[in-house]
């Protein structure tokens, strides 16, 4: 059995006891203390195995954090490049649309001008015909 050491709450001397003992007597002040165990498991081998399992779990968690950092180092630049590309595409589309709108405006002005000229011609013809038909 493994021997554990604790401090006496009364005089702070070292208390030595074996796992499984229920009481311990302080060698300095001679007070008796009941031993309270943190766990129901008092077998040191089982406690060491549990400790090993805890350490393995902590190592796995740490490994997963390291892997997540590596992935983040790869993913973050890709995401930033994607965002920059989408932004550049948006700017390109804005100017492309603006150029098309300008072309359409010019065409509409030309068509409007042509319509006005045709209207003026037809109006003038109708006016001339009307004046000729008047006595």
Protein backbone atom coordinates (compact mmCIF):
# COMPACT_ATOMS: atom_id res chain seq x y z
CA UNK A 1 0.00 0.00 0.00
CA UNK A 2 1.12 3.50 -0.80
CA UNK A 3 1.84 5.92 2.03
CA UNK A 4 0.38 9.42 1.72
CA UNK A 5 1.48 12.58 3.49
CA UNK A 6 -0.69 15.46 4.66
CA UNK A 7 -0.20 18.36 7.04
CA UNK A 8 -1.73 18.38 10.50
CA UNK A 9 -4.39 21.12 10.64
CA UNK A 10 -3.43 21.80 14.28
CA UNK A 11 0.39 22.01 14.32
CA UNK A 12 1.25 21.61 10.63
CA UNK A 13 3.45 18.57 11.22
CA UNK A 14 3.57 15.86 8.56
CA UNK A 15 0.91 13.17 8.88
CA UNK A 16 1.70 9.85 7.21
CA UNK A 17 -0.95 7.23 6.60
CA UNK A 18 -1.71 4.32 4.33
CA UNK A 19 -4.55 4.24 1.87
CA UNK A 20 -7.55 2.63 3.48
CA UNK A 21 -6.84 3.79 7.05
CA UNK A 22 -9.70 5.63 8.68
CA UNK A 23 -7.82 7.57 11.39
CA UNK A 24 -4.36 9.09 11.77
CA UNK A 25 -2.58 10.32 14.90
CA UNK A 26 -0.30 13.37 14.65
CA UNK A 27 3.19 12.43 15.89
CA UNK A 28 3.76 15.97 17.15
CA UNK A 29 0.59 17.10 18.96
CA UNK A 30 -0.98 13.61 19.37
CA UNK A 31 -4.39 14.64 18.03
CA UNK A 32 -6.39 12.06 16.14
CA UNK A 33 -7.99 12.95 12.82
CA UNK A 34 -10.46 11.08 10.68
CA UNK A 35 -9.20 10.58 7.14
CA UNK A 36 -11.54 11.82 4.45
CA UNK A 37 -10.94 10.56 0.94
CA UNK A 38 -11.78 12.64 -2.08
CA UNK A 39 -13.06 9.62 -3.99
CA UNK A 40 -14.76 6.35 -3.25
CA UNK A 41 -11.79 4.67 -4.95
CA UNK A 42 -9.04 4.05 -2.46
CA UNK A 43 -6.98 1.54 -4.43
CA UNK A 44 -3.87 3.45 -5.56
CA UNK A 45 -3.53 1.37 -8.73
CA UNK A 46 -7.08 2.27 -9.75
CA UNK A 47 -6.41 5.91 -8.89
CA UNK A 48 -3.23 5.88 -11.00
CA UNK A 49 -5.09 4.30 -13.92
CA UNK A 50 -7.80 6.96 -13.59
CA UNK A 51 -5.08 9.62 -13.52
CA UNK A 52 -3.51 8.12 -16.67
CA UNK A 53 -6.90 8.15 -18.39
CA UNK A 54 -7.38 11.79 -17.41
CA UNK A 55 -3.94 12.67 -18.79
CA UNK A 56 -4.69 10.83 -22.05
CA UNK A 57 -7.98 12.70 -22.39
CA UNK A 58 -6.21 16.00 -21.73
CA UNK A 59 -3.57 15.11 -24.36
CA UNK A 60 -6.32 14.29 -26.87
CA UNK A 61 -8.09 17.57 -26.14
CA UNK A 62 -4.82 19.45 -26.52
CA UNK A 63 -4.12 17.61 -29.80
CA UNK A 64 -7.57 18.56 -31.08
CA UNK A 65 -6.89 22.20 -30.21
CA UNK A 66 -3.56 22.03 -32.05
CA UNK A 67 -5.31 20.46 -35.05
CA UNK A 68 -7.99 23.17 -34.93
CA UNK A 69 -5.26 25.84 -34.94
CA UNK A 70 -3.62 24.21 -37.97
CA UNK A 71 -6.95 24.07 -39.77
CA UNK A 72 -7.63 27.70 -38.87
CA UNK A 73 -4.25 28.70 -40.29
CA UNK A 74 -5.28 27.11 -43.59
CA UNK A 75 -8.96 28.05 -43.64
CA UNK A 76 -8.68 31.69 -42.58
CA UNK A 77 -6.50 32.78 -45.53
CA UNK A 78 -8.77 30.87 -47.91
CA UNK A 79 -11.82 32.60 -46.46
CA UNK A 80 -10.12 36.00 -46.66
CA UNK A 81 -9.11 35.37 -50.28
CA UNK A 82 -12.68 34.31 -51.06
CA UNK A 83 -14.08 37.47 -49.44
CA UNK A 84 -11.57 39.63 -51.33
CA UNK A 85 -12.47 37.89 -54.60
CA UNK A 86 -16.20 38.41 -53.97
CA UNK A 87 -15.55 42.07 -53.16
CA UNK A 88 -13.52 42.51 -56.35
CA UNK A 89 -16.25 40.74 -58.34
CA UNK A 90 -18.84 43.06 -56.79
CA UNK A 91 -16.83 46.12 -57.80
CA UNK A 92 -16.36 44.71 -61.31
CA UNK A 93 -20.10 44.07 -61.63
CA UNK A 94 -20.89 47.55 -60.33
CA UNK A 95 -18.76 49.21 -63.01
CA UNK A 96 -19.98 46.79 -65.68
CA UNK A 97 -23.60 47.56 -64.81
CA UNK A 98 -22.84 51.26 -64.68
CA UNK A 99 -21.31 51.11 -68.17
CA UNK A 100 -24.36 49.22 -69.51
CA UNK A 101 -26.69 51.74 -67.92
CA UNK A 102 -24.75 54.57 -69.56
CA UNK A 103 -24.98 52.82 -72.95
CA UNK A 104 -28.72 52.26 -72.48
CA UNK A 105 -29.19 55.91 -71.50
CA UNK A 106 -27.37 57.07 -74.64
CA UNK A 107 -29.48 54.72 -76.81
CA UNK A 108 -32.64 55.98 -75.16
CA UNK A 109 -31.60 59.59 -75.80
CA UNK A 110 -30.86 58.77 -79.44
CA UNK A 111 -34.22 57.01 -79.85
CA UNK A 112 -35.97 59.92 -78.16
CA UNK A 113 -34.21 62.34 -80.49
CA UNK A 114 -35.20 60.26 -83.53
CA UNK A 115 -38.79 60.06 -82.30
CA UNK A 116 -38.91 63.84 -81.83
CA UNK A 117 -37.52 64.39 -85.33
CA UNK A 118 -40.05 61.99 -86.87
CA UNK A 119 -42.83 63.58 -84.86
CA UNK A 120 -41.79 67.04 -86.04
CA UNK A 121 -41.68 65.84 -89.67
CA UNK A 122 -45.10 64.22 -89.46
CA UNK A 123 -46.53 67.21 -87.63
CA UNK A 124 -45.14 69.54 -90.28
CA UNK A 125 -46.60 67.36 -93.08
CA UNK A 126 -49.98 67.24 -91.37
CA UNK A 127 -49.87 71.01 -90.84
CA UNK A 128 -48.97 71.60 -94.51
CA UNK A 129 -51.76 69.27 -95.68
CA UNK A 130 -54.19 71.00 -93.41
CA UNK A 131 -53.19 74.44 -94.71
CA UNK A 132 -53.45 73.28 -98.31
CA UNK A 133 -56.87 71.89 -97.77
CA UNK A 134 -58.12 75.17 -96.32
CA UNK A 135 -59.55 77.66 -98.84
